Amino acid sequence: MKHTPGPWHKARFKNNTHQGYEIRAAPKHDQNAIALVLGYDHPECEANSRLLLAAPELLGACECALFILSEFGDDFSETRETVRAAIAR
């Protein structure tokens, strides 16, 4: 399964019942949000929205790390499996 390619963008939103952050593939409002983080007045919500925003770059970094780790044979097999598991999520 493929993810929506980046870069992703973050914007605040507010409607009659909710407020928070939207994560979108583009800053256009005609596309569906990839994720919503509700409640922007909490520090955790800001941090969670930044983490979601970084997801495409984090995935790329993990894929690069997995490639590099594969060059070291069995020396980093546990680390390789940890990175593989993170990518699979």
Protein backbone atom coordinates (compact mmCIF):
# COMPACT_ATOMS: atom_id res chain seq x y z
CA MET A 1 0.00 0.00 0.00
CA LYS A 2 1.35 3.43 -0.91
CA HIS A 3 0.95 6.57 1.13
CA THR A 4 0.01 10.00 -0.15
CA PRO A 5 3.27 11.55 -1.35
CA GLY A 6 4.65 14.63 0.37
CA PRO A 7 5.23 17.33 1.02
CA TRP A 8 2.34 17.59 3.41
CA HIS A 9 1.02 20.86 4.82
CA LYS A 10 -0.55 21.78 8.14
CA ALA A 11 -3.32 24.30 8.72
CA ARG A 12 -5.56 25.18 11.64
CA PHE A 13 -9.25 24.48 11.27
CA LYS A 14 -12.35 25.27 13.26
CA ASN A 15 -15.96 24.37 12.66
CA ASN A 16 -19.09 24.30 14.83
CA THR A 17 -17.98 21.29 16.85
CA HIS A 18 -14.20 20.85 16.51
CA GLN A 19 -10.96 22.75 16.22
CA GLY A 20 -7.43 21.57 15.58
CA TYR A 21 -5.01 20.94 12.74
CA GLU A 22 -5.53 19.45 9.29
CA ILE A 23 -2.73 17.64 7.53
CA ARG A 24 -3.14 17.80 3.74
CA ALA A 25 -1.08 16.75 0.73
CA ALA A 26 -1.38 20.24 -0.70
CA PRO A 27 -2.48 23.57 0.71
CA LYS A 28 -5.61 23.51 -1.48
CA HIS A 29 -8.88 23.14 0.39
CA ASP A 30 -10.50 21.00 -2.31
CA GLN A 31 -8.64 17.86 -1.20
CA ASN A 32 -9.51 15.56 1.67
CA ALA A 33 -7.40 15.86 4.79
CA ILE A 34 -4.88 13.09 5.41
CA ALA A 35 -5.27 13.51 9.17
CA LEU A 36 -6.98 15.67 11.74
CA VAL A 37 -5.52 16.50 15.15
CA LEU A 38 -8.25 17.85 17.37
CA GLY A 39 -7.70 20.53 20.01
CA TYR A 40 -4.97 22.97 19.04
CA ASP A 41 -4.87 24.60 22.46
CA HIS A 42 -2.96 21.61 23.90
CA PRO A 43 0.84 21.32 23.46
CA GLU A 44 0.49 17.61 22.60
CA CYS A 45 -1.76 18.45 19.66
CA GLU A 46 0.85 20.79 18.19
CA ALA A 47 3.55 18.14 18.66
CA ASN A 48 1.35 15.41 17.15
CA SER A 49 0.56 17.57 14.14
CA ARG A 50 4.29 18.19 13.56
CA LEU A 51 4.99 14.46 13.80
CA LEU A 52 2.28 13.68 11.23
CA LEU A 53 3.58 16.45 8.99
CA ALA A 54 7.04 14.86 9.02
CA ALA A 55 5.76 11.36 8.17
CA PRO A 56 6.79 11.31 4.47
CA GLU A 57 10.33 12.47 5.33
CA LEU A 58 10.58 10.06 8.26
CA LEU A 59 9.54 7.17 6.03
CA GLY A 60 12.19 8.14 3.48
CA ALA A 61 14.83 8.34 6.21
CA CYS A 62 13.86 4.89 7.52
CA GLU A 63 14.02 3.39 4.03
CA CYS A 64 17.48 4.92 3.54
CA ALA A 65 18.64 3.66 6.94
CA LEU A 66 17.37 0.16 6.12
CA PHE A 67 19.37 0.16 2.89
CA ILE A 68 22.53 1.30 4.71
CA LEU A 69 22.04 -1.20 7.54
CA SER A 70 21.69 -4.04 5.02
CA GLU A 71 25.30 -3.39 3.99
CA PHE A 72 26.55 -4.35 7.48
CA GLY A 73 25.39 -7.97 7.42
CA ASP A 74 24.25 -9.45 10.72
CA ASP A 75 25.95 -6.83 12.90
CA PHE A 76 22.80 -4.67 13.00
CA SER A 77 20.10 -7.30 12.46
CA GLU A 78 18.07 -6.22 15.51
CA THR A 79 18.18 -2.57 14.46
CA ARG A 80 17.26 -3.55 10.90
CA GLU A 81 14.20 -5.42 12.15
CA THR A 82 13.16 -2.45 14.28
CA VAL A 83 13.36 -0.16 11.24
CA ARG A 84 11.48 -2.71 9.09
CA ALA A 85 8.71 -2.90 11.70
CA ALA A 86 8.43 0.89 11.81
CA ILE A 87 8.13 1.06 8.01
CA ALA A 88 5.47 -1.67 8.02
CA ARG A 89 3.23 0.28 10.39
